Amino acid sequence: MKKILIVDDEPNIVMTLEYTFKKNNFEVFIARDGLEALEILKTQLPDVIILDVMMPSVDGFETLEQIKKTEKLNHCKVIFLSAKNKESDIEKGLSLGADVYLTKPFSIKKVVEQVNQLVAN
């Protein structure tokens, strides 16, 4: 079973993504901010991490930098899902090592397609 970690502080987004990915046979882990995500990643190795940028305590950019410094997480695919849609934000996210950068509001179908594409590779 593929594993996915959803990191977002917006409950409605978390619920929608969690429901959708469970329905698509993923084991789903939830974190409300970057610190919680990094704690989960000490014990879990998800195939995909969906990461918001603007979160309390540790933002998505900083969280990704920490993930990329951790060798056992190198295989994890990362999708930024953020309301920050300026070209500079997207470039920053991709340059930090994200595989995909999607902007909010988002199409759940598109998110699922992107995740499936990443886990197929």
PDB file of N, CA and C in Angstrom:
ATOM      1  N   MET A   1       0.845  -1.187   0.000  1.00  0.00           N
ATOM      2  CA  MET A   1       0.000   0.000   0.000  1.00  0.00           C
ATOM      3  C   MET A   1       0.888   1.249   0.000  1.00  0.00           C
ATOM      4  N   LYS A   2       0.565   2.175  -0.864  1.00  0.00           N
ATOM      5  CA  LYS A   2       1.326   3.422  -0.941  1.00  0.00           C
ATOM      6  C   LYS A   2       0.962   4.307   0.243  1.00  0.00           C
ATOM      7  N   LYS A   3       1.951   5.081   0.700  1.00  0.00           N
ATOM      8  CA  LYS A   3       1.736   5.970   1.843  1.00  0.00           C
ATOM      9  C   LYS A   3       1.830   7.419   1.387  1.00  0.00           C
ATOM     10  N   ILE A   4       0.967   8.256   1.979  1.00  0.00           N
ATOM     11  CA  ILE A   4       0.987   9.681   1.661  1.00  0.00           C
ATOM     12  C   ILE A   4       0.888  10.482   2.958  1.00  0.00           C
ATOM     13  N   LEU A   5       1.671  11.539   3.029  1.00  0.00           N
ATOM     14  CA  LEU A   5       1.612  12.456   4.174  1.00  0.00           C
ATOM     15  C   LEU A   5       1.038  13.774   3.678  1.00  0.00           C
ATOM     16  N   ILE A   6      -0.050  14.203   4.316  1.00  0.00           N
ATOM     17  CA  ILE A   6      -0.702  15.464   3.953  1.00  0.00           C
ATOM     18  C   ILE A   6      -0.364  16.479   5.047  1.00  0.00           C
ATOM     19  N   VAL A   7       0.273  17.579   4.650  1.00  0.00           N
ATOM     20  CA  VAL A   7       0.697  18.597   5.615  1.00  0.00           C
ATOM     21  C   VAL A   7       0.004  19.913   5.259  1.00  0.00           C
ATOM     22  N   ASP A   8      -1.011  20.254   6.041  1.00  0.00           N
ATOM     23  CA  ASP A   8      -1.774  21.478   5.777  1.00  0.00           C
ATOM     24  C   ASP A   8      -2.493  21.869   7.052  1.00  0.00           C
ATOM     25  N   ASP A   9      -2.631  23.172   7.288  1.00  0.00           N
ATOM     26  CA  ASP A   9      -3.309  23.627   8.506  1.00  0.00           C
ATOM     27  C   ASP A   9      -4.778  23.967   8.253  1.00  0.00           C
ATOM     28  N   GLU A  10      -5.258  23.703   7.053  1.00  0.00           N
ATOM     29  CA  GLU A  10      -6.651  24.002   6.695  1.00  0.00           C
ATOM     30  C   GLU A  10      -7.477  22.708   6.790  1.00  0.00           C
ATOM     31  N   PRO A  11      -8.320  22.568   7.827  1.00  0.00           N
ATOM     32  CA  PRO A  11      -9.045  21.308   8.061  1.00  0.00           C
ATOM     33  C   PRO A  11      -9.855  20.798   6.864  1.00  0.00           C
ATOM     34  N   ASN A  12     -10.520  21.697   6.136  1.00  0.00           N
ATOM     35  CA  ASN A  12     -11.332  21.243   5.000  1.00  0.00           C
ATOM     36  C   ASN A  12     -10.488  20.607   3.903  1.00  0.00           C
ATOM     37  N   ILE A  13      -9.319  21.178   3.667  1.00  0.00           N
ATOM     38  CA  ILE A  13      -8.416  20.631   2.649  1.00  0.00           C
ATOM     39  C   ILE A  13      -7.902  19.272   3.115  1.00  0.00           C
ATOM     40  N   VAL A  14      -7.506  19.189   4.372  1.00  0.00           N
ATOM     41  CA  VAL A  14      -7.003  17.932   4.925  1.00  0.00           C
ATOM     42  C   VAL A  14      -8.071  16.837   4.809  1.00  0.00           C
ATOM     43  N   MET A  15      -9.296  17.162   5.209  1.00  0.00           N
ATOM     44  CA  MET A  15     -10.375  16.169   5.162  1.00  0.00           C
ATOM     45  C   MET A  15     -10.641  15.685   3.739  1.00  0.00           C
ATOM     46  N   THR A  16     -10.682  16.618   2.800  1.00  0.00           N
ATOM     47  CA  THR A  16     -10.941  16.266   1.403  1.00  0.00           C
ATOM     48  C   THR A  16      -9.840  15.358   0.863  1.00  0.00           C
ATOM     49  N   LEU A  17      -8.595  15.751   1.088  1.00  0.00           N
ATOM     50  CA  LEU A  17      -7.467  14.951   0.583  1.00  0.00           C
ATOM     51  C   LEU A  17      -7.403  13.594   1.276  1.00  0.00           C
ATOM     52  N   GLU A  18      -7.600  13.580   2.599  1.00  0.00           N
ATOM     53  CA  GLU A  18      -7.538  12.322   3.345  1.00  0.00           C
ATOM     54  C   GLU A  18      -8.597  11.344   2.814  1.00  0.00           C
ATOM     55  N   TYR A  19      -9.818  11.812   2.687  1.00  0.00           N
ATOM     56  CA  TYR A  19     -10.910  10.966   2.192  1.00  0.00           C
ATOM     57  C   TYR A  19     -10.583  10.423   0.797  1.00  0.00           C
ATOM     58  N   THR A  20     -10.143  11.312  -0.070  1.00  0.00           N
ATOM     59  CA  THR A  20      -9.859  10.931  -1.459  1.00  0.00           C
ATOM     60  C   THR A  20      -8.753   9.888  -1.544  1.00  0.00           C
ATOM     61  N   PHE A  21      -7.669  10.104  -0.803  1.00  0.00           N
ATOM     62  CA  PHE A  21      -6.548   9.164  -0.915  1.00  0.00           C
ATOM     63  C   PHE A  21      -6.817   7.841  -0.217  1.00  0.00           C
ATOM     64  N   LYS A  22      -7.614   7.856   0.856  1.00  0.00           N
ATOM     65  CA  LYS A  22      -8.003   6.585   1.480  1.00  0.00           C
ATOM     66  C   LYS A  22      -8.853   5.778   0.503  1.00  0.00           C
ATOM     67  N   LYS A  23      -9.724   6.481  -0.205  1.00  0.00           N
ATOM     68  CA  LYS A  23     -10.578   5.833  -1.210  1.00  0.00           C
ATOM     69  C   LYS A  23      -9.726   5.247  -2.347  1.00  0.00           C
ATOM     70  N   ASN A  24      -8.568   5.860  -2.591  1.00  0.00           N
ATOM     71  CA  ASN A  24      -7.657   5.393  -3.637  1.00  0.00           C
ATOM     72  C   ASN A  24      -6.594   4.435  -3.078  1.00  0.00           C
ATOM     73  N   ASN A  25      -6.896   3.827  -1.934  1.00  0.00           N
ATOM     74  CA  ASN A  25      -6.035   2.803  -1.322  1.00  0.00           C
ATOM     75  C   ASN A  25      -4.654   3.286  -0.890  1.00  0.00           C
ATOM     76  N   PHE A  26      -4.586   4.484  -0.362  1.00  0.00           N
ATOM     77  CA  PHE A  26      -3.347   4.991   0.230  1.00  0.00           C
ATOM     78  C   PHE A  26      -3.466   4.904   1.746  1.00  0.00           C
ATOM     79  N   GLU A  27      -2.339   4.668   2.402  1.00  0.00           N
ATOM     80  CA  GLU A  27      -2.285   4.843   3.842  1.00  0.00           C
ATOM     81  C   GLU A  27      -1.985   6.322   4.048  1.00  0.00           C
ATOM     82  N   VAL A  28      -2.828   7.015   4.824  1.00  0.00           N
ATOM     83  CA  VAL A  28      -2.745   8.472   4.923  1.00  0.00           C
ATOM     84  C   VAL A  28      -2.273   8.906   6.308  1.00  0.00           C
ATOM     85  N   PHE A  29      -1.307   9.814   6.324  1.00  0.00           N
ATOM     86  CA  PHE A  29      -0.840  10.439   7.558  1.00  0.00           C
ATOM     87  C   PHE A  29      -1.124  11.929   7.447  1.00  0.00           C
ATOM     88  N   ILE A  30      -1.443  12.541   8.582  1.00  0.00           N
ATOM     89  CA  ILE A  30      -1.833  13.954   8.588  1.00  0.00           C
ATOM     90  C   ILE A  30      -0.929  14.739   9.537  1.00  0.00           C
ATOM     91  N   ALA A  31      -0.484  15.900   9.071  1.00  0.00           N
ATOM     92  CA  ALA A  31       0.241  16.832   9.941  1.00  0.00           C
ATOM     93  C   ALA A  31      -0.352  18.218   9.720  1.00  0.00           C
ATOM     94  N   ARG A  32      -0.455  18.992  10.791  1.00  0.00           N
ATOM     95  CA  ARG A  32      -1.064  20.328  10.704  1.00  0.00           C
ATOM     96  C   ARG A  32      -0.030  21.425  10.450  1.00  0.00           C
ATOM     97  N   ASP A  33       1.255  21.076  10.606  1.00  0.00           N
ATOM     98  CA  ASP A  33       2.314  22.056  10.330  1.00  0.00           C
ATOM     99  C   ASP A  33       3.618  21.309  10.086  1.00  0.00           C
ATOM    100  N   GLY A  34       4.651  22.062   9.762  1.00  0.00           N
ATOM    101  CA  GLY A  34       5.933  21.464   9.420  1.00  0.00           C
ATOM    102  C   GLY A  34       6.566  20.679  10.555  1.00  0.00           C
ATOM    103  N   LEU A  35       6.436  21.173  11.788  1.00  0.00           N
ATOM    104  CA  LEU A  35       7.021  20.462  12.930  1.00  0.00           C
ATOM    105  C   LEU A  35       6.399  19.090  13.098  1.00  0.00           C
ATOM    106  N   GLU A  36       5.072  19.054  13.017  1.00  0.00           N
ATOM    107  CA  GLU A  36       4.353  17.780  13.150  1.00  0.00           C
ATOM    108  C   GLU A  36       4.752  16.835  12.005  1.00  0.00           C
ATOM    109  N   ALA A  37       4.904  17.389  10.815  1.00  0.00           N
ATOM    110  CA  ALA A  37       5.308  16.578   9.659  1.00  0.00           C
ATOM    111  C   ALA A  37       6.682  15.958   9.892  1.00  0.00           C
ATOM    112  N   LEU A  38       7.617  16.745  10.378  1.00  0.00           N
ATOM    113  CA  LEU A  38       8.974  16.245  10.614  1.00  0.00           C
ATOM    114  C   LEU A  38       8.983  15.175  11.703  1.00  0.00           C
ATOM    115  N   GLU A  39       8.089  15.296  12.686  1.00  0.00           N
ATOM    116  CA  GLU A  39       7.968  14.262  13.727  1.00  0.00           C
ATOM    117  C   GLU A  39       7.475  12.954  13.107  1.00  0.00           C
ATOM    118  N   ILE A  40       6.437  13.041  12.289  1.00  0.00           N
ATOM    119  CA  ILE A  40       5.875  11.850  11.632  1.00  0.00           C
ATOM    120  C   ILE A  40       6.940  11.185  10.753  1.00  0.00           C
ATOM    121  N   LEU A  41       7.736  12.012  10.073  1.00  0.00           N
ATOM    122  CA  LEU A  41       8.738  11.480   9.151  1.00  0.00           C
ATOM    123  C   LEU A  41       9.895  10.769   9.866  1.00  0.00           C
ATOM    124  N   LYS A  42       9.955  10.892  11.185  1.00  0.00           N
ATOM    125  CA  LYS A  42      10.974  10.142  11.936  1.00  0.00           C
ATOM    126  C   LYS A  42      10.618   8.658  11.970  1.00  0.00           C
ATOM    127  N   THR A  43       9.314   8.358  11.872  1.00  0.00           N
ATOM    128  CA  THR A  43       8.875   6.960  11.980  1.00  0.00           C
ATOM    129  C   THR A  43       8.197   6.435  10.723  1.00  0.00           C
ATOM    130  N   GLN A  44       7.787   7.308   9.830  1.00  0.00           N
ATOM    131  CA  GLN A  44       7.085   6.886   8.615  1.00  0.00           C
ATOM    132  C   GLN A  44       7.847   7.340   7.379  1.00  0.00           C
ATOM    133  N   LEU A  45       7.818   6.524   6.340  1.00  0.00           N
ATOM    134  CA  LEU A  45       8.461   6.878   5.077  1.00  0.00           C
ATOM    135  C   LEU A  45       7.402   6.881   3.973  1.00  0.00           C
ATOM    136  N   PRO A  46       6.718   8.008   3.810  1.00  0.00           N
ATOM    137  CA  PRO A  46       5.669   8.055   2.784  1.00  0.00           C
ATOM    138  C   PRO A  46       6.265   8.073   1.375  1.00  0.00           C
ATOM    139  N   ASP A  47       5.458   7.640   0.412  1.00  0.00           N
ATOM    140  CA  ASP A  47       5.876   7.697  -0.991  1.00  0.00           C
ATOM    141  C   ASP A  47       5.740   9.130  -1.504  1.00  0.00           C
ATOM    142  N   VAL A  48       4.687   9.816  -1.005  1.00  0.00           N
ATOM    143  CA  VAL A  48       4.404  11.183  -1.450  1.00  0.00           C
ATOM    144  C   VAL A  48       4.079  12.051  -0.238  1.00  0.00           C
ATOM    145  N   ILE A  49       4.550  13.300  -0.295  1.00  0.00           N
ATOM    146  CA  ILE A  49       4.219  14.285   0.736  1.00  0.00           C
ATOM    147  C   ILE A  49       3.535  15.456   0.034  1.00  0.00           C
ATOM    148  N   ILE A  50       2.319  15.781   0.468  1.00  0.00           N
ATOM    149  CA  ILE A  50       1.628  16.971  -0.037  1.00  0.00           C
ATOM    150  C   ILE A  50       1.827  18.046   1.021  1.00  0.00           C
ATOM    151  N   LEU A  51       2.402  19.156   0.599  1.00  0.00           N
ATOM    152  CA  LEU A  51       2.888  20.147   1.547  1.00  0.00           C
ATOM    153  C   LEU A  51       2.346  21.538   1.229  1.00  0.00           C
ATOM    154  N   ASP A  52       1.718  22.145   2.224  1.00  0.00           N
ATOM    155  CA  ASP A  52       1.292  23.534   2.098  1.00  0.00           C
ATOM    156  C   ASP A  52       2.513  24.415   2.378  1.00  0.00           C
ATOM    157  N   VAL A  53       2.499  25.644   1.888  1.00  0.00           N
ATOM    158  CA  VAL A  53       3.619  26.547   2.157  1.00  0.00           C
ATOM    159  C   VAL A  53       3.356  27.355   3.430  1.00  0.00           C
ATOM    160  N   MET A  54       2.209  28.017   3.490  1.00  0.00           N
ATOM    161  CA  MET A  54       1.926  28.911   4.626  1.00  0.00           C
ATOM    162  C   MET A  54       1.281  28.139   5.772  1.00  0.00           C
ATOM    163  N   MET A  55       2.094  27.867   6.802  1.00  0.00           N
ATOM    164  CA  MET A  55       1.613  27.138   7.976  1.00  0.00           C
ATOM    165  C   MET A  55       2.243  27.749   9.219  1.00  0.00           C
ATOM    166  N   PRO A  56       1.606  27.522  10.382  1.00  0.00           N
ATOM    167  CA  PRO A  56       2.202  28.022  11.622  1.00  0.00           C
ATOM    168  C   PRO A  56       3.513  27.295  11.944  1.00  0.00           C
ATOM    169  N   SER A  57       4.292  27.861  12.784  1.00  0.00           N
ATOM    170  CA  SER A  57       5.600  27.376  13.272  1.00  0.00           C
ATOM    171  C   SER A  57       6.620  27.175  12.152  1.00  0.00           C
ATOM    172  N   VAL A  58       6.569  26.089  11.414  1.00  0.00           N
ATOM    173  CA  VAL A  58       7.549  25.849  10.351  1.00  0.00           C
ATOM    174  C   VAL A  58       6.810  25.814   9.014  1.00  0.00           C
ATOM    175  N   ASP A  59       7.177  26.704   8.084  1.00  0.00           N
ATOM    176  CA  ASP A  59       6.451  26.729   6.810  1.00  0.00           C
ATOM    177  C   ASP A  59       6.895  25.591   5.884  1.00  0.00           C
ATOM    178  N   GLY A  60       6.201  25.462   4.768  1.00  0.00           N
ATOM    179  CA  GLY A  60       6.462  24.369   3.834  1.00  0.00           C
ATOM    180  C   GLY A  60       7.848  24.405   3.222  1.00  0.00           C
ATOM    181  N   PHE A  61       8.348  25.602   2.909  1.00  0.00           N
ATOM    182  CA  PHE A  61       9.682  25.708   2.315  1.00  0.00           C
ATOM    183  C   PHE A  61      10.740  25.158   3.286  1.00  0.00           C
ATOM    184  N   GLU A  62      10.635  25.592   4.537  1.00  0.00           N
ATOM    185  CA  GLU A  62      11.594  25.156   5.557  1.00  0.00           C
ATOM    186  C   GLU A  62      11.458  23.648   5.814  1.00  0.00           C
ATOM    187  N   THR A  63      10.216  23.172   5.820  1.00  0.00           N
ATOM    188  CA  THR A  63       9.967  21.742   6.015  1.00  0.00           C
ATOM    189  C   THR A  63      10.642  20.934   4.907  1.00  0.00           C
ATOM    190  N   LEU A  64      10.494  21.389   3.667  1.00  0.00           N
ATOM    191  CA  LEU A  64      11.111  20.681   2.545  1.00  0.00           C
ATOM    192  C   LEU A  64      12.633  20.690   2.654  1.00  0.00           C
ATOM    193  N   GLU A  65      13.201  21.797   3.090  1.00  0.00           N
ATOM    194  CA  GLU A  65      14.654  21.855   3.266  1.00  0.00           C
ATOM    195  C   GLU A  65      15.113  20.789   4.262  1.00  0.00           C
ATOM    196  N   GLN A  66      14.351  20.619   5.338  1.00  0.00           N
ATOM    197  CA  GLN A  66      14.686  19.595   6.342  1.00  0.00           C
ATOM    198  C   GLN A  66      14.541  18.189   5.745  1.00  0.00           C
ATOM    199  N   ILE A  67      13.478  17.982   4.977  1.00  0.00           N
ATOM    200  CA  ILE A  67      13.244  16.672   4.351  1.00  0.00           C
ATOM    201  C   ILE A  67      14.418  16.323   3.434  1.00  0.00           C
ATOM    202  N   LYS A  68      14.850  17.287   2.648  1.00  0.00           N
ATOM    203  CA  LYS A  68      15.923  17.043   1.668  1.00  0.00           C
ATOM    204  C   LYS A  68      17.272  16.780   2.342  1.00  0.00           C
ATOM    205  N   LYS A  69      17.419  17.214   3.593  1.00  0.00           N
ATOM    206  CA  LYS A  69      18.661  16.967   4.332  1.00  0.00           C
ATOM    207  C   LYS A  69      18.685  15.559   4.933  1.00  0.00           C
ATOM    208  N   THR A  70      17.557  14.877   4.907  1.00  0.00           N
ATOM    209  CA  THR A  70      17.427  13.563   5.543  1.00  0.00           C
ATOM    210  C   THR A  70      17.515  12.478   4.487  1.00  0.00           C
ATOM    211  N   GLU A  71      18.611  11.739   4.530  1.00  0.00           N
ATOM    212  CA  GLU A  71      18.887  10.774   3.466  1.00  0.00           C
ATOM    213  C   GLU A  71      17.793   9.729   3.277  1.00  0.00           C
ATOM    214  N   LYS A  72      17.224   9.218   4.375  1.00  0.00           N
ATOM    215  CA  LYS A  72      16.220   8.159   4.246  1.00  0.00           C
ATOM    216  C   LYS A  72      14.919   8.665   3.604  1.00  0.00           C
ATOM    217  N   LEU A  73      14.784   9.989   3.455  1.00  0.00           N
ATOM    218  CA  LEU A  73      13.582  10.560   2.837  1.00  0.00           C
ATOM    219  C   LEU A  73      13.805  10.941   1.374  1.00  0.00           C
ATOM    220  N   ASN A  74      14.986  10.651   0.857  1.00  0.00           N
ATOM    221  CA  ASN A  74      15.317  11.060  -0.518  1.00  0.00           C
ATOM    222  C   ASN A  74      14.363  10.511  -1.568  1.00  0.00           C
ATOM    223  N   HIS A  75      13.771   9.347  -1.291  1.00  0.00           N
ATOM    224  CA  HIS A  75      12.861   8.746  -2.274  1.00  0.00           C
ATOM    225  C   HIS A  75      11.481   9.418  -2.274  1.00  0.00           C
ATOM    226  N   CYS A  76      11.167  10.176  -1.229  1.00  0.00           N
ATOM    227  CA  CYS A  76       9.831  10.797  -1.112  1.00  0.00           C
ATOM    228  C   CYS A  76       9.610  11.828  -2.215  1.00  0.00           C
ATOM    229  N   LYS A  77       8.474  11.725  -2.865  1.00  0.00           N
ATOM    230  CA  LYS A  77       8.073  12.727  -3.841  1.00  0.00           C
ATOM    231  C   LYS A  77       7.317  13.817  -3.088  1.00  0.00           C
ATOM    232  N   VAL A  78       7.550  15.072  -3.460  1.00  0.00           N
ATOM    233  CA  VAL A  78       6.914  16.179  -2.741  1.00  0.00           C
ATOM    234  C   VAL A  78       6.105  17.036  -3.707  1.00  0.00           C
ATOM    235  N   ILE A  79       4.851  17.283  -3.312  1.00  0.00           N
ATOM    236  CA  ILE A  79       3.974  18.175  -4.067  1.00  0.00           C
ATOM    237  C   ILE A  79       3.637  19.361  -3.170  1.00  0.00           C
ATOM    238  N   PHE A  80       3.973  20.554  -3.613  1.00  0.00           N
ATOM    239  CA  PHE A  80       3.499  21.736  -2.900  1.00  0.00           C
ATOM    240  C   PHE A  80       2.076  22.012  -3.362  1.00  0.00           C
ATOM    241  N   LEU A  81       1.203  22.291  -2.399  1.00  0.00           N
ATOM    242  CA  LEU A  81      -0.172  22.658  -2.688  1.00  0.00           C
ATOM    243  C   LEU A  81      -0.393  23.939  -1.906  1.00  0.00           C
ATOM    244  N   SER A  82      -0.350  25.086  -2.605  1.00  0.00           N
ATOM    245  CA  SER A  82      -0.301  26.350  -1.882  1.00  0.00           C
ATOM    246  C   SER A  82      -1.107  27.450  -2.550  1.00  0.00           C
ATOM    247  N   ALA A  83      -1.563  28.392  -1.730  1.00  0.00           N
ATOM    248  CA  ALA A  83      -2.225  29.592  -2.249  1.00  0.00           C
ATOM    249  C   ALA A  83      -1.183  30.588  -2.763  1.00  0.00           C
ATOM    250  N   LYS A  84       0.082  30.369  -2.418  1.00  0.00           N
ATOM    251  CA  LYS A  84       1.156  31.254  -2.897  1.00  0.00           C
ATOM    252  C   LYS A  84       1.414  30.903  -4.366  1.00  0.00           C
ATOM    253  N   ASN A  85       0.900  31.751  -5.238  1.00  0.00           N
ATOM    254  CA  ASN A  85       0.940  31.389  -6.661  1.00  0.00           C
ATOM    255  C   ASN A  85       1.806  32.316  -7.510  1.00  0.00           C
ATOM    256  N   LYS A  86       2.640  33.124  -6.864  1.00  0.00           N
ATOM    257  CA  LYS A  86       3.541  33.985  -7.628  1.00  0.00           C
ATOM    258  C   LYS A  86       4.627  33.116  -8.258  1.00  0.00           C
ATOM    259  N   GLU A  87       5.083  33.542  -9.401  1.00  0.00           N
ATOM    260  CA  GLU A  87       6.133  32.806 -10.116  1.00  0.00           C
ATOM    261  C   GLU A  87       7.340  32.559  -9.209  1.00  0.00           C
ATOM    262  N   SER A  88       7.710  33.570  -8.403  1.00  0.00           N
ATOM    263  CA  SER A  88       8.880  33.431  -7.519  1.00  0.00           C
ATOM    264  C   SER A  88       8.666  32.347  -6.460  1.00  0.00           C
ATOM    265  N   ASP A  89       7.419  32.219  -5.946  1.00  0.00           N
ATOM    266  CA  ASP A  89       7.120  31.174  -4.958  1.00  0.00           C
ATOM    267  C   ASP A  89       7.217  29.793  -5.606  1.00  0.00           C
ATOM    268  N   ILE A  90       6.660  29.676  -6.797  1.00  0.00           N
ATOM    269  CA  ILE A  90       6.679  28.398  -7.513  1.00  0.00           C
ATOM    270  C   ILE A  90       8.128  28.000  -7.816  1.00  0.00           C
ATOM    271  N   GLU A  91       8.908  28.960  -8.304  1.00  0.00           N
ATOM    272  CA  GLU A  91      10.322  28.683  -8.596  1.00  0.00           C
ATOM    273  C   GLU A  91      11.074  28.273  -7.340  1.00  0.00           C
ATOM    274  N   LYS A  92      10.805  28.960  -6.228  1.00  0.00           N
ATOM    275  CA  LYS A  92      11.478  28.624  -4.969  1.00  0.00           C
ATOM    276  C   LYS A  92      11.139  27.192  -4.553  1.00  0.00           C
ATOM    277  N   GLY A  93       9.860  26.857  -4.618  1.00  0.00           N
ATOM    278  CA  GLY A  93       9.416  25.505  -4.234  1.00  0.00           C
ATOM    279  C   GLY A  93      10.086  24.431  -5.064  1.00  0.00           C
ATOM    280  N   LEU A  94      10.143  24.652  -6.367  1.00  0.00           N
ATOM    281  CA  LEU A  94      10.752  23.658  -7.256  1.00  0.00           C
ATOM    282  C   LEU A  94      12.272  23.612  -7.060  1.00  0.00           C
ATOM    283  N   SER A  95      12.885  24.768  -6.837  1.00  0.00           N
ATOM    284  CA  SER A  95      14.342  24.791  -6.658  1.00  0.00           C
ATOM    285  C   SER A  95      14.755  24.125  -5.338  1.00  0.00           C
ATOM    286  N   LEU A  96      13.851  24.124  -4.357  1.00  0.00           N
ATOM    287  CA  LEU A  96      14.150  23.447  -3.086  1.00  0.00           C
ATOM    288  C   LEU A  96      14.026  21.931  -3.216  1.00  0.00           C
ATOM    289  N   GLY A  97      13.452  21.491  -4.332  1.00  0.00           N
ATOM    290  CA  GLY A  97      13.387  20.050  -4.562  1.00  0.00           C
ATOM    291  C   GLY A  97      11.997  19.456  -4.676  1.00  0.00           C
ATOM    292  N   ALA A  98      10.955  20.289  -4.691  1.00  0.00           N
ATOM    293  CA  ALA A  98       9.613  19.744  -4.883  1.00  0.00           C
ATOM    294  C   ALA A  98       9.503  19.167  -6.292  1.00  0.00           C
ATOM    295  N   ASP A  99       8.713  18.097  -6.428  1.00  0.00           N
ATOM    296  CA  ASP A  99       8.516  17.478  -7.738  1.00  0.00           C
ATOM    297  C   ASP A  99       7.439  18.212  -8.529  1.00  0.00           C
ATOM    298  N   VAL A 100       6.454  18.728  -7.803  1.00  0.00           N
ATOM    299  CA  VAL A 100       5.321  19.405  -8.435  1.00  0.00           C
ATOM    300  C   VAL A 100       4.896  20.572  -7.546  1.00  0.00           C
ATOM    301  N   TYR A 101       4.414  21.654  -8.158  1.00  0.00           N
ATOM    302  CA  TYR A 101       3.888  22.785  -7.390  1.00  0.00           C
ATOM    303  C   TYR A 101       2.501  23.087  -7.937  1.00  0.00           C
ATOM    304  N   LEU A 102       1.476  22.817  -7.137  1.00  0.00           N
ATOM    305  CA  LEU A 102       0.089  23.097  -7.539  1.00  0.00           C
ATOM    306  C   LEU A 102      -0.428  24.260  -6.701  1.00  0.00           C
ATOM    307  N   THR A 103      -1.283  25.077  -7.296  1.00  0.00           N
ATOM    308  CA  THR A 103      -1.808  26.225  -6.564  1.00  0.00           C
ATOM    309  C   THR A 103      -3.264  26.004  -6.162  1.00  0.00           C
ATOM    310  N   LYS A 104      -3.629  26.628  -5.034  1.00  0.00           N
ATOM    311  CA  LYS A 104      -5.012  26.610  -4.550  1.00  0.00           C
ATOM    312  C   LYS A 104      -5.736  27.791  -5.171  1.00  0.00           C
ATOM    313  N   PRO A 105      -7.019  27.707  -5.434  1.00  0.00           N
ATOM    314  CA  PRO A 105      -7.842  26.505  -5.303  1.00  0.00           C
ATOM    315  C   PRO A 105      -7.390  25.438  -6.302  1.00  0.00           C
ATOM    316  N   PHE A 106      -7.590  24.182  -5.935  1.00  0.00           N
ATOM    317  CA  PHE A 106      -7.067  23.101  -6.761  1.00  0.00           C
ATOM    318  C   PHE A 106      -8.175  22.136  -7.160  1.00  0.00           C
ATOM    319  N   SER A 107      -7.905  21.378  -8.189  1.00  0.00           N
ATOM    320  CA  SER A 107      -8.811  20.312  -8.621  1.00  0.00           C
ATOM    321  C   SER A 107      -8.330  19.027  -7.961  1.00  0.00           C
ATOM    322  N   ILE A 108      -9.206  18.379  -7.197  1.00  0.00           N
ATOM    323  CA  ILE A 108      -8.822  17.146  -6.501  1.00  0.00           C
ATOM    324  C   ILE A 108      -8.403  16.087  -7.522  1.00  0.00           C
ATOM    325  N   LYS A 109      -9.061  16.106  -8.672  1.00  0.00           N
ATOM    326  CA  LYS A 109      -8.732  15.148  -9.738  1.00  0.00           C
ATOM    327  C   LYS A 109      -7.285  15.350 -10.194  1.00  0.00           C
ATOM    328  N   LYS A 110      -6.882  16.612 -10.332  1.00  0.00           N
ATOM    329  CA  LYS A 110      -5.516  16.934 -10.761  1.00  0.00           C
ATOM    330  C   LYS A 110      -4.494  16.485  -9.708  1.00  0.00           C
ATOM    331  N   VAL A 111      -4.826  16.691  -8.429  1.00  0.00           N
ATOM    332  CA  VAL A 111      -3.923  16.274  -7.354  1.00  0.00           C
ATOM    333  C   VAL A 111      -3.741  14.755  -7.396  1.00  0.00           C
ATOM    334  N   VAL A 112      -4.848  14.029  -7.532  1.00  0.00           N
ATOM    335  CA  VAL A 112      -4.778  12.565  -7.584  1.00  0.00           C
ATOM    336  C   VAL A 112      -3.954  12.115  -8.791  1.00  0.00           C
ATOM    337  N   GLU A 113      -4.177  12.744  -9.945  1.00  0.00           N
ATOM    338  CA  GLU A 113      -3.404  12.406 -11.154  1.00  0.00           C
ATOM    339  C   GLU A 113      -1.908  12.615 -10.919  1.00  0.00           C
ATOM    340  N   GLN A 114      -1.545  13.744 -10.323  1.00  0.00           N
ATOM    341  CA  GLN A 114      -0.136  14.056 -10.066  1.00  0.00           C
ATOM    342  C   GLN A 114       0.481  13.026  -9.123  1.00  0.00           C
ATOM    343  N   VAL A 115      -0.250  12.694  -8.052  1.00  0.00           N
ATOM    344  CA  VAL A 115       0.257  11.721  -7.087  1.00  0.00           C
ATOM    345  C   VAL A 115       0.449  10.371  -7.762  1.00  0.00           C
ATOM    346  N   ASN A 116      -0.562   9.930  -8.522  1.00  0.00           N
ATOM    347  CA  ASN A 116      -0.462   8.639  -9.199  1.00  0.00           C
ATOM    348  C   ASN A 116       0.709   8.605 -10.185  1.00  0.00           C
ATOM    349  N   GLN A 117       0.921   9.720 -10.856  1.00  0.00           N
ATOM    350  CA  GLN A 117       2.061   9.830 -11.792  1.00  0.00           C
ATOM    351  C   GLN A 117       3.380   9.678 -11.040  1.00  0.00           C
ATOM    352  N   LEU A 118       3.493  10.352  -9.910  1.00  0.00           N
ATOM    353  CA  LEU A 118       4.730  10.312  -9.134  1.00  0.00           C
ATOM    354  C   LEU A 118       5.008   8.920  -8.557  1.00  0.00           C
ATOM    355  N   VAL A 119       3.975   8.248  -8.070  1.00  0.00           N
ATOM    356  CA  VAL A 119       4.215   6.926  -7.473  1.00  0.00           C
ATOM    357  C   VAL A 119       4.417   5.850  -8.536  1.00  0.00           C
ATOM    358  N   ALA A 120       3.992   6.135  -9.773  1.00  0.00           N
ATOM    359  CA  ALA A 120       4.186   5.185 -10.867  1.00  0.00           C
ATOM    360  C   ALA A 120       5.630   5.171 -11.340  1.00  0.00           C
ATOM    361  N   ASN A 121       6.339   6.297 -11.138  1.00  0.00           N
ATOM    362  CA  ASN A 121       7.726   6.395 -11.635  1.00  0.00           C
ATOM    363  C   ASN A 121       8.710   5.621 -10.793  1.00  0.00           C
TER     364      ASN A 121
END
